[in-house]
Amino acid sequence: MSQIIYKIAPETLWREAEAKGRFTGAPIDIADGFIHFSTATQARETAAKHFAGQSGLLLIAIDGARLGDALKYEVSRGGALFPHLYDVLDLKTVLWVKPLPLGADGAHQFPVLEDE
């Protein structure tokens, strides 16, 4: 299994995190007490379920292997194991950040993800 995990975030929120040098999470992350991530196979469904029709989003790839014991895979949607970070995200673990635009069909247009 790849250690690359993905976060979908509004660009404005992510740019604030870049300015601070760390990402403490979106409002839902803060409310839940951990930062939600997706694997490559979960990212499209996450976008469709939680970000449908939203523009101005970014897809952030993170090296999960560098997050240590604070990263836990826990049962979530449909019994699948989702990566959850019980810490602040150190931006040094970010591999890349790419736009996640909406296509003509209204679905987000993903780049090729590792392990898809």
C-alpha atoms as a PDB file:
ATOM      1  CA  MET A   1       0.000   0.000   0.000  1.00  0.00           C
ATOM      2  CA  SER A   2       1.248   3.469  -0.866  1.00  0.00           C
ATOM      3  CA  GLN A   3       2.109   5.808   1.953  1.00  0.00           C
ATOM      4  CA  ILE A   4       0.865   8.762  -0.102  1.00  0.00           C
ATOM      5  CA  ILE A   5      -2.362  10.188   1.283  1.00  0.00           C
ATOM      6  CA  TYR A   6      -4.461  13.068  -0.007  1.00  0.00           C
ATOM      7  CA  LYS A   7      -6.236  16.094   1.421  1.00  0.00           C
ATOM      8  CA  ILE A   8      -8.840  18.140  -0.432  1.00  0.00           C
ATOM      9  CA  ALA A   9      -8.952  21.711   0.818  1.00  0.00           C
ATOM     10  CA  PRO A  10     -10.239  25.106  -0.291  1.00  0.00           C
ATOM     11  CA  GLU A  11      -7.362  27.080  -1.788  1.00  0.00           C
ATOM     12  CA  THR A  12      -7.875  30.019   0.606  1.00  0.00           C
ATOM     13  CA  LEU A  13      -7.594  27.726   3.647  1.00  0.00           C
ATOM     14  CA  TRP A  14      -4.499  26.004   2.269  1.00  0.00           C
ATOM     15  CA  ARG A  15      -2.752  29.278   1.403  1.00  0.00           C
ATOM     16  CA  GLU A  16      -3.312  30.436   5.008  1.00  0.00           C
ATOM     17  CA  ALA A  17      -1.671  27.208   6.193  1.00  0.00           C
ATOM     18  CA  GLU A  18       1.281  27.775   3.874  1.00  0.00           C
ATOM     19  CA  ALA A  19       1.729  31.274   5.293  1.00  0.00           C
ATOM     20  CA  LYS A  20       1.723  29.834   8.842  1.00  0.00           C
ATOM     21  CA  GLY A  21       3.922  26.859   7.901  1.00  0.00           C
ATOM     22  CA  ARG A  22       1.431  24.319   9.251  1.00  0.00           C
ATOM     23  CA  PHE A  23      -2.082  23.045   8.625  1.00  0.00           C
ATOM     24  CA  THR A  24      -4.326  22.641  11.653  1.00  0.00           C
ATOM     25  CA  GLY A  25      -7.278  21.411   9.603  1.00  0.00           C
ATOM     26  CA  ALA A  26     -10.527  22.507   8.032  1.00  0.00           C
ATOM     27  CA  PRO A  27     -13.503  23.246  10.323  1.00  0.00           C
ATOM     28  CA  ILE A  28     -14.699  19.610  10.078  1.00  0.00           C
ATOM     29  CA  ASP A  29     -11.230  18.365  11.052  1.00  0.00           C
ATOM     30  CA  ILE A  30     -11.090  20.658  14.074  1.00  0.00           C
ATOM     31  CA  ALA A  31     -14.597  19.586  15.137  1.00  0.00           C
ATOM     32  CA  ASP A  32     -13.711  15.879  14.811  1.00  0.00           C
ATOM     33  CA  GLY A  33     -10.348  16.187  16.574  1.00  0.00           C
ATOM     34  CA  PHE A  34      -8.236  14.909  13.674  1.00  0.00           C
ATOM     35  CA  ILE A  35      -7.378  15.825  10.087  1.00  0.00           C
ATOM     36  CA  HIS A  36      -9.260  13.733   7.519  1.00  0.00           C
ATOM     37  CA  PHE A  37      -7.311  12.316   4.576  1.00  0.00           C
ATOM     38  CA  SER A  38      -8.090   9.880   1.769  1.00  0.00           C
ATOM     39  CA  THR A  39      -6.100   7.228  -0.019  1.00  0.00           C
ATOM     40  CA  ALA A  40      -5.801   7.390  -3.805  1.00  0.00           C
ATOM     41  CA  THR A  41      -8.730   5.009  -4.183  1.00  0.00           C
ATOM     42  CA  GLN A  42     -10.911   7.047  -1.782  1.00  0.00           C
ATOM     43  CA  ALA A  43     -10.165  10.582  -2.994  1.00  0.00           C
ATOM     44  CA  ARG A  44     -12.700  10.756  -5.837  1.00  0.00           C
ATOM     45  CA  GLU A  45     -15.542   9.524  -3.637  1.00  0.00           C
ATOM     46  CA  THR A  46     -14.522  11.988  -0.920  1.00  0.00           C
ATOM     47  CA  ALA A  47     -14.652  14.828  -3.445  1.00  0.00           C
ATOM     48  CA  ALA A  48     -18.076  13.742  -4.719  1.00  0.00           C
ATOM     49  CA  LYS A  49     -19.524  13.243  -1.227  1.00  0.00           C
ATOM     50  CA  HIS A  50     -18.090  16.222   0.662  1.00  0.00           C
ATOM     51  CA  PHE A  51     -17.135  18.769  -2.014  1.00  0.00           C
ATOM     52  CA  ALA A  52     -19.748  18.294  -4.760  1.00  0.00           C
ATOM     53  CA  GLY A  53     -19.983  21.343  -7.011  1.00  0.00           C
ATOM     54  CA  GLN A  54     -17.315  23.276  -5.101  1.00  0.00           C
ATOM     55  CA  SER A  55     -14.680  25.141  -7.070  1.00  0.00           C
ATOM     56  CA  GLY A  56     -11.470  26.695  -5.791  1.00  0.00           C
ATOM     57  CA  LEU A  57     -10.218  23.428  -4.313  1.00  0.00           C
ATOM     58  CA  LEU A  58      -6.736  21.990  -4.128  1.00  0.00           C
ATOM     59  CA  LEU A  59      -5.579  18.385  -3.936  1.00  0.00           C
ATOM     60  CA  ILE A  60      -2.619  17.981  -1.610  1.00  0.00           C
ATOM     61  CA  ALA A  61      -0.423  14.859  -1.632  1.00  0.00           C
ATOM     62  CA  ILE A  62       1.271  14.017   1.652  1.00  0.00           C
ATOM     63  CA  ASP A  63       3.976  11.506   2.500  1.00  0.00           C
ATOM     64  CA  GLY A  64       2.080   9.542   5.136  1.00  0.00           C
ATOM     65  CA  ALA A  65       5.193   7.590   6.111  1.00  0.00           C
ATOM     66  CA  ARG A  66       6.651  10.803   7.568  1.00  0.00           C
ATOM     67  CA  LEU A  67       3.681  11.425   9.878  1.00  0.00           C
ATOM     68  CA  GLY A  68       4.611   8.746  12.403  1.00  0.00           C
ATOM     69  CA  ASP A  69       2.286   7.354  15.041  1.00  0.00           C
ATOM     70  CA  ALA A  70      -0.072  10.351  14.832  1.00  0.00           C
ATOM     71  CA  LEU A  71      -1.434   8.897  11.550  1.00  0.00           C
ATOM     72  CA  LYS A  72      -4.014   6.205  12.169  1.00  0.00           C
ATOM     73  CA  TYR A  73      -6.116   4.237   9.680  1.00  0.00           C
ATOM     74  CA  GLU A  74      -9.616   4.014  11.119  1.00  0.00           C
ATOM     75  CA  VAL A  75     -12.904   2.520   9.976  1.00  0.00           C
ATOM     76  CA  SER A  76     -15.141   5.096   8.342  1.00  0.00           C
ATOM     77  CA  ARG A  77     -17.445   5.229   5.317  1.00  0.00           C
ATOM     78  CA  GLY A  78     -18.617   1.774   4.298  1.00  0.00           C
ATOM     79  CA  GLY A  79     -16.198   0.074   6.672  1.00  0.00           C
ATOM     80  CA  ALA A  80     -13.155   1.298   4.738  1.00  0.00           C
ATOM     81  CA  LEU A  81     -10.000   2.354   6.570  1.00  0.00           C
ATOM     82  CA  PHE A  82      -9.369   6.074   6.196  1.00  0.00           C
ATOM     83  CA  PRO A  83      -6.180   7.893   7.217  1.00  0.00           C
ATOM     84  CA  HIS A  84      -6.689  10.312  10.130  1.00  0.00           C
ATOM     85  CA  LEU A  85      -3.957  12.545  11.547  1.00  0.00           C
ATOM     86  CA  TYR A  86      -4.123  13.285  15.265  1.00  0.00           C
ATOM     87  CA  ASP A  87      -1.678  16.176  15.043  1.00  0.00           C
ATOM     88  CA  VAL A  88      -0.967  19.337  13.114  1.00  0.00           C
ATOM     89  CA  LEU A  89       0.195  18.651   9.542  1.00  0.00           C
ATOM     90  CA  ASP A  90       3.822  19.637   9.074  1.00  0.00           C
ATOM     91  CA  LEU A  91       4.018  21.126   5.582  1.00  0.00           C
ATOM     92  CA  LYS A  92       7.430  19.507   5.088  1.00  0.00           C
ATOM     93  CA  THR A  93       5.519  16.251   4.505  1.00  0.00           C
ATOM     94  CA  VAL A  94       3.670  17.713   1.484  1.00  0.00           C
ATOM     95  CA  LEU A  95       4.794  16.177  -1.812  1.00  0.00           C
ATOM     96  CA  TRP A  96       2.748  18.390  -4.134  1.00  0.00           C
ATOM     97  CA  VAL A  97      -0.288  20.665  -4.377  1.00  0.00           C
ATOM     98  CA  LYS A  98      -2.442  20.716  -7.523  1.00  0.00           C
ATOM     99  CA  PRO A  99      -5.702  22.421  -8.505  1.00  0.00           C
ATOM    100  CA  LEU A 100      -8.830  20.263  -8.372  1.00  0.00           C
ATOM    101  CA  PRO A 101     -11.046  21.932 -10.983  1.00  0.00           C
ATOM    102  CA  LEU A 102     -14.614  21.075 -11.864  1.00  0.00           C
ATOM    103  CA  GLY A 103     -15.123  19.524 -15.262  1.00  0.00           C
ATOM    104  CA  ALA A 104     -17.970  20.208 -17.684  1.00  0.00           C
ATOM    105  CA  ASP A 105     -19.830  17.266 -16.129  1.00  0.00           C
ATOM    106  CA  GLY A 106     -19.662  18.891 -12.675  1.00  0.00           C
ATOM    107  CA  ALA A 107     -17.224  16.289 -11.321  1.00  0.00           C
ATOM    108  CA  HIS A 108     -13.775  17.205 -10.072  1.00  0.00           C
ATOM    109  CA  GLN A 109     -10.974  16.542 -12.532  1.00  0.00           C
ATOM    110  CA  PHE A 110      -8.253  14.599 -10.742  1.00  0.00           C
ATOM    111  CA  PRO A 111      -4.634  14.222 -11.802  1.00  0.00           C
ATOM    112  CA  VAL A 112      -3.304  10.676 -11.967  1.00  0.00           C
ATOM    113  CA  LEU A 113      -2.815   9.486  -8.402  1.00  0.00           C
ATOM    114  CA  GLU A 114      -0.255   6.945  -7.288  1.00  0.00           C
ATOM    115  CA  ASP A 115      -1.836   3.542  -6.614  1.00  0.00           C
ATOM    116  CA  GLU A 116      -4.984   4.220  -8.635  1.00  0.00           C
END
